Amino acid sequence: MIQHFVLAQQTPDAGGGMLQTIILFGLIFVIFYFMIIRPQQKRQKDRQKMLDALKKGDKVVAAGGIHGLVVGLEEKVALVQIGDNVKVKVERGSITAVLREAQPEDKPIQ
């Protein structure tokens, strides 16, 4: 009988505890959004801008650490010169960085 009395007393507080739990989960989600999701979306947007702005003459680094000079562009592929008479086709998505735009004195290696 004493157990039923104790359970009856805890029932009204359970509603308040549920509201606190919902608020806590909401707060955790907001912190998660601003610390993880939003910065990741910003990095993806910046990367897409970099790939869209890619042009002939840019010095780039491709996946695997290949450094070269962009000598041709297609919709999804970039032609990168990595040495004398050595050109490779790489996916635009595999370009990890644009080091700098080529200066007028920088010419493709011939």
C-alpha atoms as a PDB file:
ATOM      1  CA  MET A   1       0.000   0.000   0.000  1.00  0.00           C
ATOM      2  CA  ILE A   2       2.839   2.377   0.734  1.00  0.00           C
ATOM      3  CA  GLN A   3       4.269   1.734  -2.748  1.00  0.00           C
ATOM      4  CA  HIS A   4       1.002   2.875  -4.419  1.00  0.00           C
ATOM      5  CA  PHE A   5       1.066   6.061  -2.372  1.00  0.00           C
ATOM      6  CA  VAL A   6       4.676   6.824  -3.449  1.00  0.00           C
ATOM      7  CA  LEU A   7       3.865   6.240  -7.141  1.00  0.00           C
ATOM      8  CA  ALA A   8       0.822   8.471  -6.909  1.00  0.00           C
ATOM      9  CA  GLN A   9       2.966  11.292  -5.567  1.00  0.00           C
ATOM     10  CA  GLN A  10       5.542  11.001  -8.372  1.00  0.00           C
ATOM     11  CA  THR A  11       3.035  11.132 -11.228  1.00  0.00           C
ATOM     12  CA  PRO A  12       2.408  14.919 -11.271  1.00  0.00           C
ATOM     13  CA  ASP A  13       6.145  15.668 -11.358  1.00  0.00           C
ATOM     14  CA  ALA A  14       6.630  13.417 -14.367  1.00  0.00           C
ATOM     15  CA  GLY A  15       4.938  15.962 -16.655  1.00  0.00           C
ATOM     16  CA  GLY A  16       7.382  18.686 -15.620  1.00  0.00           C
ATOM     17  CA  GLY A  17      10.298  16.305 -16.057  1.00  0.00           C
ATOM     18  CA  MET A  18       9.108  15.482 -19.559  1.00  0.00           C
ATOM     19  CA  LEU A  19       9.043  19.173 -20.485  1.00  0.00           C
ATOM     20  CA  GLN A  20      12.566  19.629 -19.131  1.00  0.00           C
ATOM     21  CA  THR A  21      13.737  16.622 -21.127  1.00  0.00           C
ATOM     22  CA  ILE A  22      12.244  18.027 -24.351  1.00  0.00           C
ATOM     23  CA  ILE A  23      13.861  21.418 -23.700  1.00  0.00           C
ATOM     24  CA  LEU A  24      17.204  19.733 -22.989  1.00  0.00           C
ATOM     25  CA  PHE A  25      17.055  17.723 -26.239  1.00  0.00           C
ATOM     26  CA  GLY A  26      16.098  20.875 -28.143  1.00  0.00           C
ATOM     27  CA  LEU A  27      19.047  22.722 -26.647  1.00  0.00           C
ATOM     28  CA  ILE A  28      21.397  19.871 -27.534  1.00  0.00           C
ATOM     29  CA  PHE A  29      20.125  19.901 -31.124  1.00  0.00           C
ATOM     30  CA  VAL A  30      20.630  23.675 -31.423  1.00  0.00           C
ATOM     31  CA  ILE A  31      24.204  23.374 -30.126  1.00  0.00           C
ATOM     32  CA  PHE A  32      24.823  20.413 -32.466  1.00  0.00           C
ATOM     33  CA  TYR A  33      23.469  22.426 -35.424  1.00  0.00           C
ATOM     34  CA  PHE A  34      25.624  25.495 -34.811  1.00  0.00           C
ATOM     35  CA  MET A  35      28.802  23.586 -33.976  1.00  0.00           C
ATOM     36  CA  ILE A  36      28.705  20.765 -36.540  1.00  0.00           C
ATOM     37  CA  ILE A  37      26.032  20.999 -39.254  1.00  0.00           C
ATOM     38  CA  ARG A  38      26.255  24.701 -40.126  1.00  0.00           C
ATOM     39  CA  PRO A  39      30.067  24.870 -40.405  1.00  0.00           C
ATOM     40  CA  GLN A  40      30.065  21.735 -42.589  1.00  0.00           C
ATOM     41  CA  GLN A  41      27.493  23.303 -44.924  1.00  0.00           C
ATOM     42  CA  LYS A  42      29.641  26.451 -45.123  1.00  0.00           C
ATOM     43  CA  ARG A  43      32.749  24.405 -46.005  1.00  0.00           C
ATOM     44  CA  GLN A  44      30.811  22.571 -48.731  1.00  0.00           C
ATOM     45  CA  LYS A  45      29.542  25.864 -50.155  1.00  0.00           C
ATOM     46  CA  ASP A  46      33.060  27.370 -50.136  1.00  0.00           C
ATOM     47  CA  ARG A  47      34.483  24.266 -51.823  1.00  0.00           C
ATOM     48  CA  GLN A  48      31.800  24.395 -54.520  1.00  0.00           C
ATOM     49  CA  LYS A  49      32.589  28.083 -55.145  1.00  0.00           C
ATOM     50  CA  MET A  50      36.287  27.192 -55.486  1.00  0.00           C
ATOM     51  CA  LEU A  51      35.521  24.456 -58.023  1.00  0.00           C
ATOM     52  CA  ASP A  52      33.117  26.679 -59.974  1.00  0.00           C
ATOM     53  CA  ALA A  53      35.716  29.480 -60.146  1.00  0.00           C
ATOM     54  CA  LEU A  54      38.411  27.130 -61.460  1.00  0.00           C
ATOM     55  CA  LYS A  55      39.929  28.376 -64.714  1.00  0.00           C
ATOM     56  CA  LYS A  56      42.824  27.717 -67.046  1.00  0.00           C
ATOM     57  CA  GLY A  57      46.138  28.766 -65.592  1.00  0.00           C
ATOM     58  CA  ASP A  58      45.248  28.050 -61.943  1.00  0.00           C
ATOM     59  CA  LYS A  59      47.803  26.119 -59.941  1.00  0.00           C
ATOM     60  CA  VAL A  60      46.007  23.322 -58.119  1.00  0.00           C
ATOM     61  CA  VAL A  61      46.544  20.383 -55.804  1.00  0.00           C
ATOM     62  CA  ALA A  62      44.564  17.250 -56.602  1.00  0.00           C
ATOM     63  CA  ALA A  63      43.801  14.314 -54.327  1.00  0.00           C
ATOM     64  CA  GLY A  64      46.924  12.345 -53.634  1.00  0.00           C
ATOM     65  CA  GLY A  65      49.049  15.490 -53.527  1.00  0.00           C
ATOM     66  CA  ILE A  66      49.468  15.950 -57.276  1.00  0.00           C
ATOM     67  CA  HIS A  67      50.442  19.563 -58.028  1.00  0.00           C
ATOM     68  CA  GLY A  68      49.861  20.983 -61.461  1.00  0.00           C
ATOM     69  CA  LEU A  69      48.599  23.722 -63.707  1.00  0.00           C
ATOM     70  CA  VAL A  70      45.097  23.644 -65.178  1.00  0.00           C
ATOM     71  CA  VAL A  71      45.365  23.695 -68.977  1.00  0.00           C
ATOM     72  CA  GLY A  72      41.866  22.599 -69.898  1.00  0.00           C
ATOM     73  CA  LEU A  73      38.407  22.352 -68.383  1.00  0.00           C
ATOM     74  CA  GLU A  74      35.298  20.346 -69.115  1.00  0.00           C
ATOM     75  CA  GLU A  75      32.067  20.086 -67.151  1.00  0.00           C
ATOM     76  CA  LYS A  76      33.306  17.488 -64.652  1.00  0.00           C
ATOM     77  CA  VAL A  77      36.949  17.017 -65.663  1.00  0.00           C
ATOM     78  CA  ALA A  78      40.027  19.234 -65.523  1.00  0.00           C
ATOM     79  CA  LEU A  79      43.128  18.668 -67.621  1.00  0.00           C
ATOM     80  CA  VAL A  80      46.124  19.291 -65.363  1.00  0.00           C
ATOM     81  CA  GLN A  81      49.693  19.562 -66.579  1.00  0.00           C
ATOM     82  CA  ILE A  82      52.040  18.042 -64.032  1.00  0.00           C
ATOM     83  CA  GLY A  83      55.306  18.030 -65.995  1.00  0.00           C
ATOM     84  CA  ASP A  84      56.918  18.404 -69.406  1.00  0.00           C
ATOM     85  CA  ASN A  85      54.413  16.972 -71.882  1.00  0.00           C
ATOM     86  CA  VAL A  86      52.595  15.211 -69.036  1.00  0.00           C
ATOM     87  CA  LYS A  87      48.913  16.024 -68.718  1.00  0.00           C
ATOM     88  CA  VAL A  88      46.377  14.118 -66.678  1.00  0.00           C
ATOM     89  CA  LYS A  89      42.622  14.311 -66.531  1.00  0.00           C
ATOM     90  CA  VAL A  90      41.277  14.621 -62.993  1.00  0.00           C
ATOM     91  CA  GLU A  91      37.744  14.930 -61.711  1.00  0.00           C
ATOM     92  CA  ARG A  92      36.991  18.461 -60.584  1.00  0.00           C
ATOM     93  CA  GLY A  93      35.823  17.023 -57.283  1.00  0.00           C
ATOM     94  CA  SER A  94      39.279  15.583 -56.618  1.00  0.00           C
ATOM     95  CA  ILE A  95      40.866  19.046 -56.688  1.00  0.00           C
ATOM     96  CA  THR A  96      41.484  19.864 -53.056  1.00  0.00           C
ATOM     97  CA  ALA A  97      42.989  23.354 -53.315  1.00  0.00           C
ATOM     98  CA  VAL A  98      43.742  26.169 -55.695  1.00  0.00           C
ATOM     99  CA  LEU A  99      47.182  27.372 -54.627  1.00  0.00           C
ATOM    100  CA  ARG A 100      47.063  30.646 -56.502  1.00  0.00           C
ATOM    101  CA  GLU A 101      46.099  31.993 -59.837  1.00  0.00           C
ATOM    102  CA  ALA A 102      48.905  31.759 -62.355  1.00  0.00           C
ATOM    103  CA  GLN A 103      50.751  35.002 -62.987  1.00  0.00           C
ATOM    104  CA  PRO A 104      51.291  36.198 -66.569  1.00  0.00           C
ATOM    105  CA  GLU A 105      54.890  34.922 -66.472  1.00  0.00           C
ATOM    106  CA  ASP A 106      53.632  31.463 -65.438  1.00  0.00           C
ATOM    107  CA  LYS A 107      53.067  29.473 -68.579  1.00  0.00           C
ATOM    108  CA  PRO A 108      52.207  25.830 -69.107  1.00  0.00           C
ATOM    109  CA  ILE A 109      55.347  23.730 -69.199  1.00  0.00           C
ATOM    110  CA  GLN A 110      56.142  22.937 -72.816  1.00  0.00           C
END
